[in-house]
Amino acid sequence: MSINHIVTPLDSAILDSKEHYVFYHRMVDFAFKELIVAVQREKICDDLEVKLFKQYCDLLLYSIEAMRVKYMYDDEDNMKVDLTDSGLPNYLEFRYLFNDLELRDEYLGKLTPVAKLKEEFLDTLLRKKEPIKKSKLFQAASIVYYTSVNKQFIFNRFVQGKILNSPEGAVADLLTSWSFYDVSHNRPFICFMYFNYDGNRVNDYKEEIYEVLKSVADRDMSLDTLAYTIDRKLPKLSPKLIKRIDLGPLHNVFAKDEHQVTHTILESIAKKEIPLESYAFSLKVDEVSSKSEFKEGGFFSKQILQRWDDVFIKKYILAPHRIIQLLYNKTPEIMNGLAKPPIEIAGVEINLKK
């Protein structure tokens, strides 16, 4: 099946050929690397936040590469890309990776030993002068997958970062970060929280902090509601600033959502005005900060809570120059509503005939 004949259901695209996997992986890998550079160059995040942002994106790319290896020659299962609101792998694909690697030893025990597989490959290629059967290639890919992929680096539904000292001049003394893959949007979010700690050693309280974040901050929700919930559940903490970055959608040929940006790109690809590998990245940054404090509760159970300011929302679009021109022509109202003019990033060229 040619990459030019992608037939998809409404909610997910099935990658069912080697060409699909190669095409999709190259595009996503390229787009995310461009995103990391642009976030730093345009100072969308501070220096320490950029470092953490890159670490979470690296986990995401590592997981998508693992999916490529897993499915490359598999005739029975296919990787699914969400079409409705992300353009990224369906969140279940990350769960499948994690489950697979839990049973690594059991799967490896069922596979043909490496030495025997090499011998069969050499015999087929050199003596029989025949191509390797796809089933054998799948066995080889499975061995690579189960022996080289590290479960520790798979992007789980919730990924907790460490507690760090904040940079000089920050609004609070400490910073922690976390990331989650929202099930309803099928998109990753990266969060930062600057806070002060009412105690001597924050490490004595870190398990409580991590547990609260994992239970209440693992999904997309109103940021001021999230800030209030964290503040109330962690009485020894004084959160001062919470920032959440929404990564996506990645508008590309695999997406079929209702976004005007996606619709414009798909329409232009269909008319052959732009190449098949054209893409754009939407990015949204929500921030909420504490403007004052107040006391709540009785005489013996008084708690100091934050009074939160309005949520500040900034929207960005990152795209190659040709796509920016296209969006200005077709969707000027979206371009005018951005926090800053569209951010230019490089285009990717994918030639599957090489």
Protein backbone atom coordinates (compact mmCIF):
# COMPACT_ATOMS: atom_id res chain seq x y z
CA MET A 1 0.00 0.00 0.00
CA SER A 2 1.47 3.34 -1.03
CA ILE A 3 1.94 6.17 1.43
CA ASN A 4 -0.17 8.24 -0.98
CA HIS A 5 -3.22 6.03 -0.35
CA ILE A 6 -3.86 6.36 3.36
CA VAL A 7 -7.35 5.15 4.19
CA THR A 8 -8.37 5.86 7.77
CA PRO A 9 -11.40 5.49 10.05
CA LEU A 10 -12.68 8.53 11.90
CA ASP A 11 -10.74 8.20 15.15
CA SER A 12 -7.44 6.52 14.29
CA ALA A 13 -5.14 5.88 11.38
CA ILE A 14 -3.63 2.41 11.12
CA LEU A 15 -0.03 2.29 9.97
CA ASP A 16 0.04 -0.97 8.02
CA SER A 17 3.23 -0.95 5.98
CA LYS A 18 6.94 -0.39 6.41
CA GLU A 19 6.61 2.83 4.37
CA HIS A 20 3.97 4.17 6.74
CA TYR A 21 6.13 3.53 9.79
CA VAL A 22 9.24 5.07 8.24
CA PHE A 23 7.30 8.10 6.98
CA TYR A 24 5.46 8.72 10.23
CA HIS A 25 8.48 8.24 12.48
CA ARG A 26 10.71 10.55 10.44
CA MET A 27 8.09 13.27 10.43
CA VAL A 28 7.32 13.09 14.18
CA ASP A 29 11.00 12.80 15.13
CA PHE A 30 11.90 15.81 12.97
CA ALA A 31 8.94 17.90 14.18
CA PHE A 32 9.68 17.35 17.87
CA LYS A 33 13.38 18.16 17.47
CA GLU A 34 12.42 21.39 15.71
CA LEU A 35 9.95 22.10 18.51
CA ILE A 36 12.62 21.73 21.21
CA VAL A 37 14.97 24.14 19.41
CA ALA A 38 12.19 26.67 18.83
CA VAL A 39 10.99 26.60 22.47
CA GLN A 40 14.53 27.49 23.57
CA ARG A 41 15.21 30.02 20.79
CA GLU A 42 11.92 31.87 21.27
CA LYS A 43 12.26 31.77 25.09
CA ILE A 44 8.84 30.17 25.50
CA CYS A 45 10.40 28.48 28.53
CA ASP A 46 13.21 29.49 30.89
CA ASP A 47 16.59 27.73 30.60
CA LEU A 48 15.91 25.11 33.30
CA GLU A 49 12.40 24.52 31.96
CA VAL A 50 13.82 23.98 28.47
CA LYS A 51 16.20 21.33 29.83
CA LEU A 52 13.30 19.49 31.49
CA PHE A 53 11.08 20.01 28.42
CA LYS A 54 13.72 18.30 26.27
CA GLN A 55 13.95 15.34 28.66
CA TYR A 56 10.21 14.69 28.45
CA CYS A 57 10.22 15.05 24.64
CA ASP A 58 13.15 12.59 24.46
CA LEU A 59 11.09 10.04 26.40
CA LEU A 60 8.25 10.54 23.97
CA LEU A 61 10.49 10.09 20.90
CA TYR A 62 12.17 7.04 22.44
CA SER A 63 8.74 5.45 22.89
CA ILE A 64 7.64 6.22 19.32
CA GLU A 65 10.87 4.72 17.97
CA ALA A 66 10.19 1.59 20.06
CA MET A 67 6.73 1.40 18.46
CA ARG A 68 8.29 1.63 15.00
CA VAL A 69 10.60 -1.31 15.72
CA LYS A 70 7.81 -3.30 17.36
CA TYR A 71 5.37 -3.03 14.44
CA MET A 72 7.68 -2.77 11.43
CA TYR A 73 7.19 -6.33 10.16
CA ASP A 74 4.15 -7.37 12.20
CA ASP A 75 1.33 -8.67 9.96
CA GLU A 76 -1.11 -9.19 12.83
CA ASP A 77 -1.07 -5.88 14.72
CA ASN A 78 -0.73 -2.29 13.54
CA MET A 79 0.16 0.90 15.33
CA LYS A 80 -2.67 3.41 15.61
CA VAL A 81 -2.28 7.18 15.30
CA ASP A 82 -4.96 9.36 16.89
CA LEU A 83 -6.79 11.48 14.34
CA THR A 84 -9.26 13.36 16.49
CA ASP A 85 -7.14 15.78 18.49
CA SER A 86 -3.40 15.06 18.36
CA GLY A 87 -1.79 13.43 15.30
CA LEU A 88 0.30 11.39 17.77
CA PRO A 89 0.08 7.69 18.72
CA ASN A 90 -3.05 6.62 20.54
CA TYR A 91 -2.37 6.59 24.30
CA LEU A 92 -3.00 2.82 24.42
CA GLU A 93 0.15 2.28 22.32
CA PHE A 94 2.26 3.51 25.24
CA ARG A 95 0.40 1.15 27.56
CA TYR A 96 1.05 -1.75 25.17
CA LEU A 97 4.77 -0.98 25.20
CA PHE A 98 4.86 -0.98 28.97
CA ASN A 99 2.90 -4.24 29.18
CA ASP A 100 5.17 -5.90 26.59
CA LEU A 101 8.30 -5.05 28.50
CA GLU A 102 6.82 -6.38 31.73
CA LEU A 103 6.83 -9.80 30.01
CA ARG A 104 10.21 -9.35 28.26
CA ASP A 105 11.78 -12.62 29.47
CA GLU A 106 8.70 -14.67 28.60
CA TYR A 107 8.60 -13.29 25.03
CA LEU A 108 12.34 -13.71 24.48
CA GLY A 109 12.07 -17.36 25.53
CA LYS A 110 9.59 -18.00 22.69
CA LEU A 111 11.73 -16.37 19.97
CA THR A 112 14.25 -18.14 17.75
CA PRO A 113 17.78 -17.85 19.21
CA VAL A 114 19.86 -15.10 17.59
CA ALA A 115 22.61 -17.44 16.38
CA LYS A 116 20.12 -19.73 14.66
CA LEU A 117 18.28 -16.79 13.07
CA LYS A 118 21.57 -15.38 11.70
CA GLU A 119 22.41 -18.78 10.22
CA GLU A 120 18.99 -18.95 8.53
CA PHE A 121 19.41 -15.43 7.13
CA LEU A 122 22.84 -16.19 5.67
CA ASP A 123 21.63 -19.47 4.17
CA THR A 124 18.63 -17.74 2.55
CA LEU A 125 20.62 -14.80 1.18
CA LEU A 126 23.88 -16.49 0.14
CA ARG A 127 22.95 -20.06 -0.75
CA LYS A 128 19.31 -19.86 -1.82
CA LYS A 129 19.64 -16.29 -3.22
CA GLU A 130 16.17 -15.48 -1.94
CA PRO A 131 14.80 -12.51 0.03
CA ILE A 132 14.16 -12.95 3.75
CA LYS A 133 10.55 -13.82 4.55
CA LYS A 134 8.60 -11.13 6.35
CA SER A 135 7.87 -13.49 9.25
CA LYS A 136 11.62 -13.93 9.80
CA LEU A 137 12.17 -10.18 9.63
CA PHE A 138 9.48 -9.76 12.28
CA GLN A 139 11.30 -12.26 14.50
CA ALA A 140 14.51 -10.25 14.10
CA ALA A 141 12.70 -6.98 14.82
CA SER A 142 11.11 -8.54 17.91
CA ILE A 143 14.52 -9.59 19.22
CA VAL A 144 15.82 -6.05 18.74
CA TYR A 145 12.71 -4.66 20.40
CA TYR A 146 12.77 -6.89 23.49
CA THR A 147 16.55 -6.75 24.01
CA SER A 148 17.17 -3.04 23.35
CA VAL A 149 14.08 -1.16 24.57
CA ASN A 150 14.32 -0.08 28.21
CA LYS A 151 11.02 0.07 30.11
CA GLN A 152 12.47 2.85 32.27
CA PHE A 153 12.50 5.23 29.26
CA ILE A 154 8.95 4.57 28.04
CA PHE A 155 6.67 7.60 28.25
CA ASN A 156 4.11 6.43 30.79
CA ARG A 157 0.70 8.04 31.30
CA PHE A 158 2.24 10.03 34.18
CA VAL A 159 5.94 10.87 34.50
CA GLN A 160 7.18 12.60 37.65
CA GLY A 161 10.23 14.86 37.63
CA LYS A 162 12.53 15.59 40.57
CA ILE A 163 12.33 18.51 43.01
CA LEU A 164 15.01 21.08 42.11
CA ASN A 165 16.20 24.43 43.37
CA SER A 166 14.65 27.21 41.32
CA PRO A 167 16.87 29.48 39.21
CA GLU A 168 17.96 32.77 40.75
CA GLY A 169 15.19 35.37 40.54
CA ALA A 170 12.34 32.85 40.35
CA VAL A 171 9.05 33.45 42.19
CA ALA A 172 9.74 30.61 44.66
CA ASP A 173 12.61 28.56 46.06
CA LEU A 174 11.79 25.16 44.56
CA LEU A 175 10.64 23.72 41.24
CA THR A 176 9.18 20.38 40.29
CA SER A 177 7.91 19.15 36.94
CA TRP A 178 5.76 16.35 35.62
CA SER A 179 4.29 15.18 32.35
CA PHE A 180 1.20 13.22 31.44
CA TYR A 181 -0.48 11.81 28.35
CA ASP A 182 -4.07 12.98 28.50
CA VAL A 183 -6.43 10.15 27.55
CA SER A 184 -9.24 12.37 26.22
CA HIS A 185 -6.96 14.41 23.90
CA ASN A 186 -4.29 11.75 23.20
CA ARG A 187 -1.68 14.44 23.70
CA PRO A 188 1.26 14.97 26.06
CA PHE A 189 1.31 17.85 28.54
CA ILE A 190 4.37 19.11 30.43
CA CYS A 191 3.92 20.96 33.73
CA PHE A 192 6.11 23.06 36.03
CA MET A 193 5.31 24.15 39.58
CA TYR A 194 7.32 26.74 41.52
CA PHE A 195 6.72 26.54 45.26
CA ASN A 196 8.02 27.24 48.76
CA TYR A 197 8.22 24.60 51.47
CA ASP A 198 7.35 25.20 55.11
CA GLY A 199 9.96 22.90 56.64
CA ASN A 200 13.65 22.05 56.80
CA ARG A 201 14.05 19.23 54.25
CA VAL A 202 11.67 19.07 51.30
CA ASN A 203 12.87 15.51 50.57
CA ASP A 204 11.12 14.42 53.78
CA TYR A 205 7.84 15.51 52.16
CA LYS A 206 8.51 14.56 48.55
CA GLU A 207 6.53 11.30 48.58
CA GLU A 208 3.41 13.20 49.67
CA ILE A 209 4.03 15.77 46.91
CA TYR A 210 4.49 13.09 44.25
CA GLU A 211 1.40 11.19 45.38
CA VAL A 212 -0.84 14.27 45.22
CA LEU A 213 0.47 15.31 41.79
CA LYS A 214 -0.05 11.81 40.41
CA SER A 215 -3.61 11.64 41.73
CA VAL A 216 -4.88 15.12 40.79
CA ALA A 217 -2.55 16.49 38.09
CA ASP A 218 -2.58 13.66 35.54
CA ARG A 219 -5.22 15.09 33.17
CA ASP A 220 -6.21 18.29 31.38
CA MET A 221 -8.38 20.44 33.65
CA SER A 222 -8.89 24.08 34.57
CA LEU A 223 -5.50 25.28 35.77
CA ASP A 224 -6.80 27.44 38.64
CA THR A 225 -8.85 24.49 39.91
CA LEU A 226 -5.73 22.31 39.74
CA ALA A 227 -3.66 24.94 41.58
CA TYR A 228 -6.28 25.23 44.36
CA THR A 229 -6.49 21.43 44.73
CA ILE A 230 -2.71 21.00 45.02
CA ASP A 231 -2.52 23.89 47.51
CA ARG A 232 -5.27 22.43 49.72
CA LYS A 233 -3.96 18.84 49.66
CA LEU A 234 -0.36 19.84 50.51
CA PRO A 235 -0.53 22.10 53.59
CA LYS A 236 3.27 22.33 53.93
CA LEU A 237 3.58 23.70 50.39
CA SER A 238 2.97 27.21 49.08
CA PRO A 239 2.61 26.93 45.28
CA LYS A 240 3.43 30.26 43.62
CA LEU A 241 3.34 29.54 39.89
CA ILE A 242 2.05 26.63 37.82
CA LYS A 243 2.76 26.42 34.09
CA ARG A 244 1.27 23.78 31.77
CA ILE A 245 2.37 23.23 28.16
CA ASP A 246 -0.02 21.47 25.78
CA LEU A 247 1.99 19.77 23.00
CA GLY A 248 -0.26 19.57 20.00
CA PRO A 249 -2.07 18.89 17.93
CA LEU A 250 0.59 17.95 15.38
CA HIS A 251 -1.25 18.90 12.18
CA ASN A 252 -0.21 16.49 9.42
CA VAL A 253 -1.48 14.13 6.74
CA PHE A 254 -2.54 11.54 9.35
CA ALA A 255 -4.81 13.95 11.25
CA LYS A 256 -8.51 14.39 10.53
CA ASP A 257 -9.70 16.61 13.35
CA GLU A 258 -11.92 19.70 13.27
CA HIS A 259 -9.09 22.22 13.62
CA GLN A 260 -8.97 24.79 10.85
CA VAL A 261 -5.19 24.44 10.67
CA THR A 262 -5.46 20.69 10.05
CA HIS A 263 -8.26 21.15 7.51
CA THR A 264 -6.25 23.78 5.62
CA ILE A 265 -3.13 21.59 5.46
CA LEU A 266 -5.07 18.49 4.35
CA GLU A 267 -6.94 20.44 1.70
CA SER A 268 -3.69 21.86 0.29
CA ILE A 269 -2.01 18.43 0.33
CA ALA A 270 -4.97 17.02 -1.60
CA LYS A 271 -4.60 19.78 -4.20
CA LYS A 272 -0.83 19.09 -4.35
CA GLU A 273 -0.11 22.70 -3.37
CA ILE A 274 2.19 21.50 -0.59
CA PRO A 275 4.08 18.20 -0.13
CA LEU A 276 2.70 15.17 1.69
CA GLU A 277 5.08 15.61 4.63
CA SER A 278 3.87 19.17 5.41
CA TYR A 279 3.10 19.80 9.06
CA ALA A 280 2.45 22.44 11.71
CA PHE A 281 2.67 22.27 15.51
CA SER A 282 0.16 23.94 17.82
CA LEU A 283 1.44 24.78 21.29
CA LYS A 284 -0.52 26.25 24.20
CA VAL A 285 0.98 27.50 27.46
CA ASP A 286 -1.30 28.11 30.46
CA GLU A 287 0.03 29.89 33.55
CA VAL A 288 -1.52 30.76 36.89
CA SER A 289 0.25 32.57 39.72
CA SER A 290 -0.51 33.42 43.32
CA LYS A 291 -1.36 37.08 43.93
CA SER A 292 -1.86 36.86 47.71
CA GLU A 293 -2.53 34.48 50.60
CA PHE A 294 -5.42 33.95 53.01
CA LYS A 295 -6.09 31.78 56.07
CA GLU A 296 -8.86 29.21 56.21
CA GLY A 297 -10.09 26.88 58.93
CA GLY A 298 -10.58 26.95 62.71
CA PHE A 299 -8.15 28.04 65.41
CA PHE A 300 -6.51 24.59 65.65
CA SER A 301 -6.69 23.67 61.96
CA LYS A 302 -5.83 26.89 60.21
CA GLN A 303 -4.24 26.57 56.76
CA ILE A 304 -2.63 29.27 54.64
CA LEU A 305 -3.89 29.07 51.05
CA GLN A 306 -3.08 30.98 47.89
CA ARG A 307 -5.42 33.42 46.22
CA TRP A 308 -4.91 32.71 42.52
CA ASP A 309 -4.87 35.24 39.72
CA ASP A 310 -6.65 34.68 36.39
CA VAL A 311 -5.20 31.98 34.15
CA PHE A 312 -2.94 33.46 31.47
CA ILE A 313 -3.15 31.57 28.14
CA LYS A 314 -0.65 31.89 25.28
CA LYS A 315 -1.12 30.09 21.96
CA TYR A 316 1.63 29.45 19.40
CA ILE A 317 1.87 27.86 15.97
CA LEU A 318 5.18 26.51 14.70
CA ALA A 319 5.48 25.64 11.01
CA PRO A 320 7.75 25.82 7.94
CA HIS A 321 7.68 29.09 5.97
CA ARG A 322 5.43 27.74 3.18
CA ILE A 323 2.84 26.54 5.70
CA ILE A 324 2.90 29.87 7.57
CA GLN A 325 2.14 31.66 4.28
CA LEU A 326 -0.69 29.22 3.61
CA LEU A 327 -2.21 29.72 7.07
CA TYR A 328 -1.99 33.51 6.80
CA ASN A 329 -3.91 33.30 3.52
CA LYS A 330 -6.52 30.77 4.65
CA THR A 331 -6.87 31.33 8.43
CA PRO A 332 -5.85 34.93 9.23
CA GLU A 333 -8.10 35.06 12.32
CA ILE A 334 -6.13 32.21 13.93
CA MET A 335 -2.79 33.82 13.11
CA ASN A 336 -3.91 37.14 14.62
CA GLY A 337 -4.93 35.44 17.87
CA LEU A 338 -1.49 34.00 18.65
CA ALA A 339 0.75 35.18 21.48
CA LYS A 340 3.37 36.06 18.87
CA PRO A 341 3.64 35.72 15.07
CA PRO A 342 3.91 32.10 13.84
CA ILE A 343 7.32 30.64 14.66
CA GLU A 344 9.19 29.41 11.61
CA ILE A 345 10.78 25.96 11.82
CA ALA A 346 12.34 23.81 9.13
CA GLY A 347 10.38 21.59 6.77
CA VAL A 348 11.14 17.90 6.46
CA GLU A 349 11.78 16.05 3.19
CA ILE A 350 10.94 12.36 3.20
CA ASN A 351 11.92 10.26 0.20
CA LEU A 352 10.89 6.66 0.74
CA LYS A 353 12.44 5.51 -2.54
CA LYS A 354 15.98 5.78 -1.19
